[in-house]
Amino acid sequence: MTAAVATSTLTTGTWTADVAHSDVSFTVRHMGVGRVRGTFAINSATLYVGPTGLAEASATAEIDATSVDTKQPQRDADVRSANFLDVDNHPTMTFLSTAVRDIDGDQFVLDGVLTLRGVTNVVELAVEFLGETVDLFDFSRAGFSATTTISRKAFGVRYDALFGAGNAVVADNVDITMDVEFIRQSD
């Protein structure tokens, strides 16, 4: 195995996600005192790294909204419903990068657009490059972890159940983490 390399020297080319070793997780405040966590499966993701490295990279991802798993089947069904993700009409979420900036060692910002529930908004991902290596089968792999916070209401998720003196059952802000392991494709 090879050691991790600096982001500026990540191997050029096209990389595709190893979806078995990638996922999207989220956390949202519940009833003002707790946090609910869940995950989504990544259907596909592609990373293109240009000759100058990540400075001219681009990325896309498709996330399976129907795969939501919060470890509670009734809540999962509600999240899939029109109250939240409306997966009957919008079974996937997509991300498309628009720029890479502020590269500082293994960390950088990835600007892009996220489409969720048919609504597209600009998002900013704080990304950490986790390294590049060659696996036991002689495939080059690279890993990244990205985080962002979105407003669910900005994406049309208007579930506004209240309790007590106007307290929200589900908070507006949703923290998202994407952990993606990529495999470099042959030229």
N, C-alpha and C. Protein backbone atom coordinates (compact mmCIF):
# COMPACT_ATOMS: atom_id res chain seq x y z
N MET A 1 0.83 -1.18 0.00
CA MET A 1 0.00 0.00 0.00
C MET A 1 0.88 1.24 0.00
N THR A 2 0.37 2.29 -0.63
CA THR A 2 1.11 3.54 -0.66
C THR A 2 0.54 4.48 0.38
N ALA A 3 1.35 5.42 0.77
CA ALA A 3 0.91 6.40 1.77
C ALA A 3 0.01 7.44 1.13
N ALA A 4 -0.74 8.15 1.95
CA ALA A 4 -1.60 9.22 1.46
C ALA A 4 -0.75 10.29 0.80
N VAL A 5 -1.33 10.95 -0.20
CA VAL A 5 -0.62 12.01 -0.90
C VAL A 5 -1.34 13.33 -0.69
N ALA A 6 -0.65 14.42 -0.92
CA ALA A 6 -1.26 15.74 -0.77
C ALA A 6 -2.31 15.94 -1.86
N THR A 7 -3.30 16.75 -1.59
CA THR A 7 -4.38 16.96 -2.54
C THR A 7 -3.87 17.48 -3.87
N SER A 8 -2.85 18.28 -3.87
CA SER A 8 -2.37 18.84 -5.12
C SER A 8 -1.78 17.77 -6.04
N THR A 9 -1.47 16.60 -5.52
CA THR A 9 -0.88 15.56 -6.34
C THR A 9 -1.80 14.35 -6.51
N LEU A 10 -3.08 14.50 -6.22
CA LEU A 10 -4.02 13.40 -6.44
C LEU A 10 -3.98 13.02 -7.92
N THR A 11 -3.94 11.74 -8.21
CA THR A 11 -3.81 11.25 -9.57
C THR A 11 -4.94 11.78 -10.46
N THR A 12 -4.55 12.28 -11.62
CA THR A 12 -5.54 12.81 -12.56
C THR A 12 -6.38 11.68 -13.14
N GLY A 13 -7.54 12.05 -13.68
CA GLY A 13 -8.39 11.08 -14.33
C GLY A 13 -9.79 11.06 -13.75
N THR A 14 -10.53 10.04 -14.16
CA THR A 14 -11.91 9.87 -13.72
C THR A 14 -11.97 8.81 -12.64
N TRP A 15 -12.65 9.14 -11.57
CA TRP A 15 -12.82 8.27 -10.41
C TRP A 15 -14.32 8.04 -10.22
N THR A 16 -14.73 6.81 -9.91
CA THR A 16 -16.13 6.53 -9.62
C THR A 16 -16.25 5.99 -8.19
N ALA A 17 -17.38 6.26 -7.59
CA ALA A 17 -17.59 5.87 -6.19
C ALA A 17 -17.70 4.36 -6.05
N ASP A 18 -17.08 3.85 -5.02
CA ASP A 18 -17.31 2.48 -4.56
C ASP A 18 -18.50 2.61 -3.62
N VAL A 19 -19.71 2.41 -4.14
CA VAL A 19 -20.92 2.69 -3.36
C VAL A 19 -21.07 1.79 -2.14
N ALA A 20 -20.42 0.64 -2.16
CA ALA A 20 -20.47 -0.25 -0.99
C ALA A 20 -19.68 0.31 0.18
N HIS A 21 -18.79 1.26 -0.10
CA HIS A 21 -17.96 1.86 0.93
C HIS A 21 -18.17 3.38 1.01
N SER A 22 -19.37 3.82 0.68
CA SER A 22 -19.71 5.24 0.68
C SER A 22 -21.12 5.41 1.21
N ASP A 23 -21.38 6.55 1.85
CA ASP A 23 -22.75 6.85 2.26
C ASP A 23 -22.91 8.33 2.59
N VAL A 24 -24.17 8.69 2.79
CA VAL A 24 -24.53 10.03 3.22
C VAL A 24 -25.25 9.87 4.55
N SER A 25 -24.85 10.66 5.53
CA SER A 25 -25.55 10.62 6.82
C SER A 25 -26.05 12.02 7.15
N PHE A 26 -27.08 12.07 7.99
CA PHE A 26 -27.62 13.36 8.39
C PHE A 26 -27.98 13.34 9.87
N THR A 27 -28.03 14.53 10.43
CA THR A 27 -28.46 14.73 11.81
C THR A 27 -29.38 15.94 11.84
N VAL A 28 -30.49 15.82 12.57
CA VAL A 28 -31.42 16.94 12.72
C VAL A 28 -31.92 16.96 14.16
N ARG A 29 -32.09 18.17 14.69
CA ARG A 29 -32.61 18.30 16.06
C ARG A 29 -34.07 17.87 16.10
N HIS A 30 -34.43 17.20 17.21
CA HIS A 30 -35.79 16.71 17.40
C HIS A 30 -36.32 17.22 18.72
N MET A 31 -37.48 17.87 18.67
CA MET A 31 -38.19 18.37 19.86
C MET A 31 -37.31 19.30 20.69
N GLY A 32 -36.30 19.88 20.07
CA GLY A 32 -35.45 20.86 20.74
C GLY A 32 -34.45 20.28 21.73
N VAL A 33 -34.52 18.98 22.00
CA VAL A 33 -33.63 18.41 23.02
C VAL A 33 -32.80 17.22 22.55
N GLY A 34 -33.15 16.67 21.40
CA GLY A 34 -32.44 15.49 20.93
C GLY A 34 -31.97 15.65 19.50
N ARG A 35 -31.31 14.61 19.01
CA ARG A 35 -30.86 14.57 17.62
C ARG A 35 -31.30 13.23 17.02
N VAL A 36 -31.80 13.30 15.81
CA VAL A 36 -32.13 12.09 15.05
C VAL A 36 -31.08 11.97 13.96
N ARG A 37 -30.56 10.75 13.81
CA ARG A 37 -29.55 10.48 12.79
C ARG A 37 -30.11 9.49 11.77
N GLY A 38 -29.60 9.59 10.56
CA GLY A 38 -30.01 8.67 9.53
C GLY A 38 -28.98 8.61 8.42
N THR A 39 -29.19 7.68 7.52
CA THR A 39 -28.28 7.53 6.38
C THR A 39 -29.07 7.36 5.09
N PHE A 40 -28.38 7.61 3.99
CA PHE A 40 -28.87 7.35 2.65
C PHE A 40 -27.78 6.60 1.90
N ALA A 41 -28.18 5.79 0.93
CA ALA A 41 -27.22 5.13 0.05
C ALA A 41 -26.89 6.06 -1.11
N ILE A 42 -25.66 5.96 -1.57
CA ILE A 42 -25.24 6.69 -2.76
C ILE A 42 -25.42 5.76 -3.96
N ASN A 43 -26.21 6.20 -4.95
CA ASN A 43 -26.39 5.41 -6.17
C ASN A 43 -25.14 5.45 -7.03
N SER A 44 -24.58 6.66 -7.17
CA SER A 44 -23.39 6.83 -7.99
C SER A 44 -22.73 8.16 -7.65
N ALA A 45 -21.45 8.25 -7.92
CA ALA A 45 -20.71 9.50 -7.78
C ALA A 45 -19.49 9.41 -8.69
N THR A 46 -19.15 10.53 -9.29
CA THR A 46 -18.00 10.60 -10.18
C THR A 46 -17.17 11.81 -9.81
N LEU A 47 -15.87 11.63 -9.83
CA LEU A 47 -14.91 12.70 -9.57
C LEU A 47 -13.96 12.75 -10.76
N TYR A 48 -13.82 13.94 -11.35
CA TYR A 48 -12.82 14.12 -12.40
C TYR A 48 -11.74 15.03 -11.85
N VAL A 49 -10.50 14.57 -11.92
CA VAL A 49 -9.36 15.35 -11.44
C VAL A 49 -8.53 15.74 -12.65
N GLY A 50 -8.37 17.04 -12.86
CA GLY A 50 -7.63 17.56 -14.00
C GLY A 50 -6.13 17.54 -13.79
N PRO A 51 -5.39 17.96 -14.81
CA PRO A 51 -3.92 17.93 -14.76
C PRO A 51 -3.30 18.72 -13.62
N THR A 52 -3.99 19.75 -13.14
CA THR A 52 -3.44 20.52 -12.02
C THR A 52 -3.96 20.04 -10.67
N GLY A 53 -4.59 18.87 -10.65
CA GLY A 53 -5.08 18.31 -9.40
C GLY A 53 -6.47 18.79 -9.06
N LEU A 54 -6.76 18.84 -7.79
CA LEU A 54 -8.12 19.16 -7.35
C LEU A 54 -8.55 20.58 -7.64
N ALA A 55 -7.61 21.47 -7.92
CA ALA A 55 -7.98 22.85 -8.22
C ALA A 55 -8.94 22.94 -9.40
N GLU A 56 -8.86 22.00 -10.32
CA GLU A 56 -9.78 22.01 -11.45
C GLU A 56 -10.64 20.74 -11.49
N ALA A 57 -10.92 20.19 -10.34
CA ALA A 57 -11.73 18.98 -10.25
C ALA A 57 -13.21 19.30 -10.36
N SER A 58 -13.98 18.27 -10.71
CA SER A 58 -15.44 18.39 -10.69
C SER A 58 -16.01 17.08 -10.16
N ALA A 59 -17.19 17.17 -9.55
CA ALA A 59 -17.80 15.99 -8.94
C ALA A 59 -19.31 16.01 -9.13
N THR A 60 -19.88 14.81 -9.23
CA THR A 60 -21.33 14.65 -9.25
C THR A 60 -21.68 13.50 -8.32
N ALA A 61 -22.89 13.53 -7.79
CA ALA A 61 -23.36 12.42 -6.95
C ALA A 61 -24.87 12.30 -7.09
N GLU A 62 -25.34 11.05 -7.06
CA GLU A 62 -26.77 10.77 -7.03
C GLU A 62 -27.04 9.94 -5.78
N ILE A 63 -27.96 10.43 -4.95
CA ILE A 63 -28.27 9.80 -3.66
C ILE A 63 -29.68 9.23 -3.72
N ASP A 64 -29.85 8.02 -3.21
CA ASP A 64 -31.13 7.33 -3.22
C ASP A 64 -31.99 7.80 -2.04
N ALA A 65 -32.93 8.70 -2.30
CA ALA A 65 -33.80 9.22 -1.24
C ALA A 65 -34.67 8.14 -0.62
N THR A 66 -35.00 7.10 -1.39
CA THR A 66 -35.85 6.03 -0.88
C THR A 66 -35.13 5.16 0.14
N SER A 67 -33.81 5.26 0.19
CA SER A 67 -33.02 4.39 1.07
C SER A 67 -32.89 4.92 2.50
N VAL A 68 -33.56 6.01 2.82
CA VAL A 68 -33.39 6.61 4.15
C VAL A 68 -33.55 5.56 5.25
N ASP A 69 -32.63 5.60 6.21
CA ASP A 69 -32.65 4.64 7.32
C ASP A 69 -32.30 5.38 8.60
N THR A 70 -33.30 5.53 9.48
CA THR A 70 -33.09 6.17 10.77
C THR A 70 -33.18 5.16 11.92
N LYS A 71 -33.21 3.89 11.57
CA LYS A 71 -33.33 2.79 12.54
C LYS A 71 -34.71 2.73 13.19
N GLN A 72 -35.70 3.37 12.55
CA GLN A 72 -37.06 3.36 13.07
C GLN A 72 -38.01 3.36 11.86
N PRO A 73 -38.60 2.21 11.51
CA PRO A 73 -39.39 2.08 10.27
C PRO A 73 -40.53 3.09 10.12
N GLN A 74 -41.24 3.40 11.19
CA GLN A 74 -42.34 4.35 11.08
C GLN A 74 -41.82 5.74 10.72
N ARG A 75 -40.71 6.15 11.34
CA ARG A 75 -40.12 7.46 11.02
C ARG A 75 -39.59 7.45 9.58
N ASP A 76 -38.96 6.34 9.17
CA ASP A 76 -38.46 6.24 7.79
C ASP A 76 -39.59 6.43 6.79
N ALA A 77 -40.74 5.81 7.05
CA ALA A 77 -41.89 5.97 6.16
C ALA A 77 -42.34 7.42 6.12
N ASP A 78 -42.33 8.10 7.26
CA ASP A 78 -42.72 9.51 7.30
C ASP A 78 -41.73 10.37 6.53
N VAL A 79 -40.43 10.11 6.67
CA VAL A 79 -39.42 10.88 5.94
C VAL A 79 -39.57 10.67 4.44
N ARG A 80 -39.97 9.47 4.01
CA ARG A 80 -40.19 9.20 2.59
C ARG A 80 -41.47 9.87 2.06
N SER A 81 -42.40 10.19 2.95
CA SER A 81 -43.71 10.71 2.55
C SER A 81 -43.63 12.15 2.02
N ALA A 82 -44.77 12.64 1.55
CA ALA A 82 -44.85 14.02 1.06
C ALA A 82 -44.58 15.04 2.16
N ASN A 83 -44.69 14.63 3.44
CA ASN A 83 -44.35 15.54 4.54
C ASN A 83 -42.89 16.00 4.47
N PHE A 84 -42.01 15.12 3.95
CA PHE A 84 -40.58 15.42 3.94
C PHE A 84 -40.00 15.29 2.52
N LEU A 85 -39.53 14.11 2.13
CA LEU A 85 -38.80 13.97 0.88
C LEU A 85 -39.67 13.68 -0.34
N ASP A 86 -40.90 13.23 -0.14
CA ASP A 86 -41.81 12.95 -1.25
C ASP A 86 -41.14 12.05 -2.30
N VAL A 87 -40.65 10.89 -1.83
CA VAL A 87 -39.87 10.01 -2.71
C VAL A 87 -40.69 9.40 -3.85
N ASP A 88 -42.01 9.37 -3.73
CA ASP A 88 -42.81 8.87 -4.86
C ASP A 88 -42.61 9.76 -6.09
N ASN A 89 -42.41 11.05 -5.86
CA ASN A 89 -42.19 11.99 -6.96
C ASN A 89 -40.73 12.38 -7.16
N HIS A 90 -39.91 12.19 -6.12
CA HIS A 90 -38.50 12.62 -6.17
C HIS A 90 -37.62 11.55 -5.51
N PRO A 91 -37.41 10.42 -6.19
CA PRO A 91 -36.68 9.30 -5.57
C PRO A 91 -35.18 9.51 -5.43
N THR A 92 -34.64 10.53 -6.09
CA THR A 92 -33.19 10.77 -5.96
C THR A 92 -32.90 12.22 -5.61
N MET A 93 -31.76 12.41 -4.98
CA MET A 93 -31.18 13.72 -4.73
C MET A 93 -29.90 13.77 -5.54
N THR A 94 -29.57 14.95 -6.08
CA THR A 94 -28.35 15.04 -6.87
C THR A 94 -27.49 16.21 -6.42
N PHE A 95 -26.18 16.04 -6.60
CA PHE A 95 -25.22 17.10 -6.33
C PHE A 95 -24.34 17.26 -7.56
N LEU A 96 -24.08 18.50 -7.95
CA LEU A 96 -23.19 18.81 -9.06
C LEU A 96 -22.28 19.94 -8.62
N SER A 97 -20.97 19.70 -8.65
CA SER A 97 -20.03 20.74 -8.21
C SER A 97 -19.94 21.85 -9.26
N THR A 98 -19.61 23.05 -8.77
CA THR A 98 -19.41 24.19 -9.67
C THR A 98 -18.02 24.80 -9.52
N ALA A 99 -17.34 24.57 -8.39
CA ALA A 99 -16.01 25.14 -8.20
C ALA A 99 -15.33 24.48 -6.99
N VAL A 100 -14.01 24.48 -7.05
CA VAL A 100 -13.18 24.07 -5.92
C VAL A 100 -12.40 25.31 -5.50
N ARG A 101 -12.36 25.58 -4.19
CA ARG A 101 -11.63 26.76 -3.74
C ARG A 101 -11.05 26.54 -2.35
N ASP A 102 -10.21 27.46 -1.96
CA ASP A 102 -9.62 27.49 -0.62
C ASP A 102 -8.92 26.18 -0.26
N ILE A 103 -8.14 25.65 -1.21
CA ILE A 103 -7.40 24.42 -0.91
C ILE A 103 -6.31 24.74 0.11
N ASP A 104 -6.32 23.99 1.20
CA ASP A 104 -5.33 24.16 2.27
C ASP A 104 -4.90 22.76 2.71
N GLY A 105 -3.84 22.25 2.09
CA GLY A 105 -3.40 20.89 2.41
C GLY A 105 -4.44 19.89 1.97
N ASP A 106 -4.99 19.16 2.93
CA ASP A 106 -5.98 18.13 2.63
C ASP A 106 -7.42 18.62 2.80
N GLN A 107 -7.60 19.92 2.94
CA GLN A 107 -8.95 20.46 3.11
C GLN A 107 -9.22 21.51 2.06
N PHE A 108 -10.48 21.56 1.62
CA PHE A 108 -10.88 22.54 0.63
C PHE A 108 -12.39 22.72 0.68
N VAL A 109 -12.87 23.70 -0.07
CA VAL A 109 -14.31 23.95 -0.17
C VAL A 109 -14.76 23.56 -1.57
N LEU A 110 -15.84 22.81 -1.64
CA LEU A 110 -16.43 22.40 -2.91
C LEU A 110 -17.79 23.09 -3.02
N ASP A 111 -17.90 24.01 -3.95
CA ASP A 111 -19.17 24.68 -4.21
C ASP A 111 -19.96 23.85 -5.20
N GLY A 112 -21.28 23.90 -5.08
CA GLY A 112 -22.10 23.15 -6.01
C GLY A 112 -23.57 23.43 -5.83
N VAL A 113 -24.38 22.63 -6.52
CA VAL A 113 -25.83 22.73 -6.40
C VAL A 113 -26.38 21.38 -5.99
N LEU A 114 -27.29 21.42 -5.05
CA LEU A 114 -27.97 20.22 -4.55
C LEU A 114 -29.42 20.31 -4.96
N THR A 115 -29.92 19.22 -5.54
CA THR A 115 -31.34 19.14 -5.89
C THR A 115 -31.98 18.10 -4.99
N LEU A 116 -32.96 18.55 -4.24
CA LEU A 116 -33.66 17.73 -3.26
C LEU A 116 -35.14 18.04 -3.40
N ARG A 117 -35.93 17.02 -3.59
CA ARG A 117 -37.38 17.21 -3.70
C ARG A 117 -37.77 18.13 -4.85
N GLY A 118 -36.93 18.11 -5.91
CA GLY A 118 -37.20 18.92 -7.09
C GLY A 118 -36.78 20.37 -6.97
N VAL A 119 -36.18 20.76 -5.86
CA VAL A 119 -35.72 22.13 -5.64
C VAL A 119 -34.20 22.13 -5.65
N THR A 120 -33.62 23.07 -6.39
CA THR A 120 -32.17 23.17 -6.49
C THR A 120 -31.68 24.42 -5.78
N ASN A 121 -30.67 24.25 -4.92
CA ASN A 121 -30.06 25.36 -4.22
C ASN A 121 -28.55 25.21 -4.22
N VAL A 122 -27.88 26.34 -4.09
CA VAL A 122 -26.42 26.37 -3.96
C VAL A 122 -26.05 25.85 -2.58
N VAL A 123 -25.01 25.00 -2.53
CA VAL A 123 -24.47 24.51 -1.26
C VAL A 123 -22.96 24.63 -1.28
N GLU A 124 -22.39 24.64 -0.11
CA GLU A 124 -20.95 24.72 0.07
C GLU A 124 -20.54 23.56 0.97
N LEU A 125 -19.67 22.68 0.46
CA LEU A 125 -19.21 21.53 1.22
C LEU A 125 -17.80 21.78 1.73
N ALA A 126 -17.60 21.55 3.01
CA ALA A 126 -16.25 21.56 3.58
C ALA A 126 -15.73 20.14 3.42
N VAL A 127 -14.65 19.98 2.64
CA VAL A 127 -14.18 18.65 2.26
C VAL A 127 -12.81 18.37 2.85
N GLU A 128 -12.64 17.14 3.29
CA GLU A 128 -11.33 16.66 3.74
C GLU A 128 -10.93 15.49 2.84
N PHE A 129 -9.75 15.61 2.25
CA PHE A 129 -9.17 14.53 1.45
C PHE A 129 -8.55 13.55 2.43
N LEU A 130 -8.97 12.28 2.37
CA LEU A 130 -8.52 11.28 3.34
C LEU A 130 -7.32 10.46 2.86
N GLY A 131 -6.96 10.63 1.58
CA GLY A 131 -5.78 9.96 1.07
C GLY A 131 -6.04 9.16 -0.19
N GLU A 132 -4.95 8.74 -0.80
CA GLU A 132 -4.98 7.89 -1.99
C GLU A 132 -4.09 6.69 -1.73
N THR A 133 -4.53 5.52 -2.17
CA THR A 133 -3.77 4.29 -1.96
C THR A 133 -4.05 3.32 -3.10
N VAL A 134 -3.29 2.25 -3.14
CA VAL A 134 -3.56 1.16 -4.07
C VAL A 134 -4.01 -0.03 -3.23
N ASP A 135 -5.17 -0.60 -3.59
CA ASP A 135 -5.74 -1.67 -2.77
C ASP A 135 -5.13 -3.03 -3.11
N LEU A 136 -5.63 -4.07 -2.48
CA LEU A 136 -5.11 -5.43 -2.66
C LEU A 136 -5.32 -5.97 -4.07
N PHE A 137 -6.22 -5.35 -4.84
CA PHE A 137 -6.50 -5.80 -6.20
C PHE A 137 -5.86 -4.88 -7.24
N ASP A 138 -4.96 -4.01 -6.78
CA ASP A 138 -4.20 -3.10 -7.63
C ASP A 138 -5.04 -1.97 -8.21
N PHE A 139 -6.14 -1.61 -7.52
CA PHE A 139 -6.94 -0.46 -7.92
C PHE A 139 -6.53 0.74 -7.08
N SER A 140 -6.44 1.91 -7.72
CA SER A 140 -6.18 3.15 -6.98
C SER A 140 -7.47 3.61 -6.34
N ARG A 141 -7.41 3.93 -5.06
CA ARG A 141 -8.57 4.41 -4.30
C ARG A 141 -8.24 5.75 -3.67
N ALA A 142 -9.26 6.59 -3.54
CA ALA A 142 -9.12 7.87 -2.85
C ALA A 142 -10.37 8.09 -2.02
N GLY A 143 -10.21 8.68 -0.84
CA GLY A 143 -11.35 8.90 0.04
C GLY A 143 -11.52 10.36 0.39
N PHE A 144 -12.78 10.76 0.53
CA PHE A 144 -13.13 12.13 0.88
C PHE A 144 -14.27 12.12 1.89
N SER A 145 -14.26 13.10 2.79
CA SER A 145 -15.38 13.31 3.70
C SER A 145 -15.80 14.77 3.54
N ALA A 146 -17.10 15.00 3.35
CA ALA A 146 -17.61 16.36 3.13
C ALA A 146 -18.77 16.63 4.07
N THR A 147 -18.85 17.85 4.56
CA THR A 147 -19.94 18.24 5.46
C THR A 147 -20.57 19.55 5.00
N THR A 148 -21.85 19.68 5.30
CA THR A 148 -22.57 20.92 5.04
C THR A 148 -23.80 20.95 5.94
N THR A 149 -24.41 22.09 6.04
CA THR A 149 -25.69 22.25 6.73
C THR A 149 -26.64 22.92 5.76
N ILE A 150 -27.84 22.34 5.64
CA ILE A 150 -28.85 22.93 4.75
C ILE A 150 -30.10 23.27 5.56
N SER A 151 -30.88 24.17 5.02
CA SER A 151 -32.21 24.48 5.54
C SER A 151 -33.19 23.59 4.80
N ARG A 152 -33.90 22.72 5.51
CA ARG A 152 -34.86 21.85 4.84
C ARG A 152 -35.97 22.67 4.19
N LYS A 153 -36.35 23.78 4.81
CA LYS A 153 -37.42 24.62 4.26
C LYS A 153 -37.01 25.23 2.92
N ALA A 154 -35.72 25.52 2.74
CA ALA A 154 -35.23 26.08 1.47
C ALA A 154 -35.41 25.07 0.34
N PHE A 155 -35.57 23.79 0.68
CA PHE A 155 -35.78 22.74 -0.33
C PHE A 155 -37.24 22.30 -0.38
N GLY A 156 -38.14 23.09 0.20
CA GLY A 156 -39.56 22.79 0.11
C GLY A 156 -40.06 21.79 1.13
N VAL A 157 -39.25 21.45 2.12
CA VAL A 157 -39.70 20.53 3.18
C VAL A 157 -40.30 21.40 4.28
N ARG A 158 -41.60 21.55 4.24
CA ARG A 158 -42.30 22.51 5.09
C ARG A 158 -42.99 21.89 6.30
N TYR A 159 -42.66 20.68 6.67
CA TYR A 159 -43.29 20.05 7.83
C TYR A 159 -43.05 20.94 9.05
N ASP A 160 -44.12 21.48 9.62
CA ASP A 160 -43.99 22.47 10.69
C ASP A 160 -44.76 22.10 11.94
N ALA A 161 -44.79 20.83 12.30
CA ALA A 161 -45.49 20.44 13.53
C ALA A 161 -44.82 21.11 14.73
N LEU A 162 -45.67 21.62 15.61
CA LEU A 162 -45.18 22.31 16.81
C LEU A 162 -45.71 21.61 18.04
N PHE A 163 -45.05 21.84 19.15
CA PHE A 163 -45.54 21.34 20.44
C PHE A 163 -45.26 22.41 21.48
N GLY A 164 -45.97 22.33 22.60
CA GLY A 164 -45.74 23.29 23.68
C GLY A 164 -45.98 24.71 23.21
N ALA A 165 -45.10 25.59 23.60
CA ALA A 165 -45.23 27.01 23.28
C ALA A 165 -44.50 27.34 21.97
N GLY A 166 -44.91 26.69 20.87
CA GLY A 166 -44.32 27.00 19.57
C GLY A 166 -42.98 26.33 19.29
N ASN A 167 -42.66 25.26 20.00
CA ASN A 167 -41.41 24.55 19.76
C ASN A 167 -41.55 23.61 18.56
N ALA A 168 -40.53 23.56 17.70
CA ALA A 168 -40.56 22.72 16.50
C ALA A 168 -40.26 21.27 16.85
N VAL A 169 -41.05 20.36 16.27
CA VAL A 169 -40.78 18.94 16.44
C VAL A 169 -39.49 18.58 15.70
N VAL A 170 -39.32 19.13 14.48
CA VAL A 170 -38.13 18.89 13.68
C VAL A 170 -37.52 20.23 13.32
N ALA A 171 -36.24 20.42 13.61
CA ALA A 171 -35.56 21.68 13.33
C ALA A 171 -35.43 21.91 11.82
N ASP A 172 -35.20 23.15 11.44
CA ASP A 172 -35.01 23.50 10.04
C ASP A 172 -33.64 23.07 9.52
N ASN A 173 -32.59 23.28 10.31
CA ASN A 173 -31.24 22.95 9.85
C ASN A 173 -30.97 21.45 9.93
N VAL A 174 -30.38 20.94 8.84
CA VAL A 174 -30.01 19.52 8.75
C VAL A 174 -28.52 19.46 8.46
N ASP A 175 -27.76 18.79 9.32
CA ASP A 175 -26.33 18.60 9.12
C ASP A 175 -26.13 17.35 8.28
N ILE A 176 -25.32 17.46 7.22
CA ILE A 176 -25.10 16.37 6.28
C ILE A 176 -23.62 16.05 6.19
N THR A 177 -23.30 14.77 6.17
CA THR A 177 -21.93 14.30 5.96
C THR A 177 -21.94 13.27 4.84
N MET A 178 -21.04 13.45 3.88
CA MET A 178 -20.86 12.47 2.79
C MET A 178 -19.48 11.87 2.94
N ASP A 179 -19.40 10.56 3.02
CA ASP A 179 -18.13 9.85 3.03
C ASP A 179 -18.10 9.01 1.77
N VAL A 180 -17.17 9.34 0.87
CA VAL A 180 -17.13 8.68 -0.43
C VAL A 180 -15.73 8.13 -0.68
N GLU A 181 -15.69 6.87 -1.06
CA GLU A 181 -14.46 6.20 -1.45
C GLU A 181 -14.54 6.00 -2.97
N PHE A 182 -13.56 6.53 -3.68
CA PHE A 182 -13.54 6.48 -5.14
C PHE A 182 -12.50 5.48 -5.63
N ILE A 183 -12.77 4.89 -6.80
CA ILE A 183 -11.82 4.02 -7.49
C ILE A 183 -11.50 4.68 -8.83
N ARG A 184 -10.19 4.79 -9.11
CA ARG A 184 -9.77 5.42 -10.37
C ARG A 184 -10.05 4.47 -11.53
N GLN A 185 -10.64 5.04 -12.59
CA GLN A 185 -10.97 4.25 -13.77
C GLN A 185 -9.78 4.23 -14.73
N SER A 186 -9.64 3.15 -15.45
CA SER A 186 -8.54 3.02 -16.43
C SER A 186 -8.76 4.01 -17.56
N ASP A 187 -7.65 4.54 -18.08
CA ASP A 187 -7.74 5.49 -19.20
C ASP A 187 -8.00 4.78 -20.50
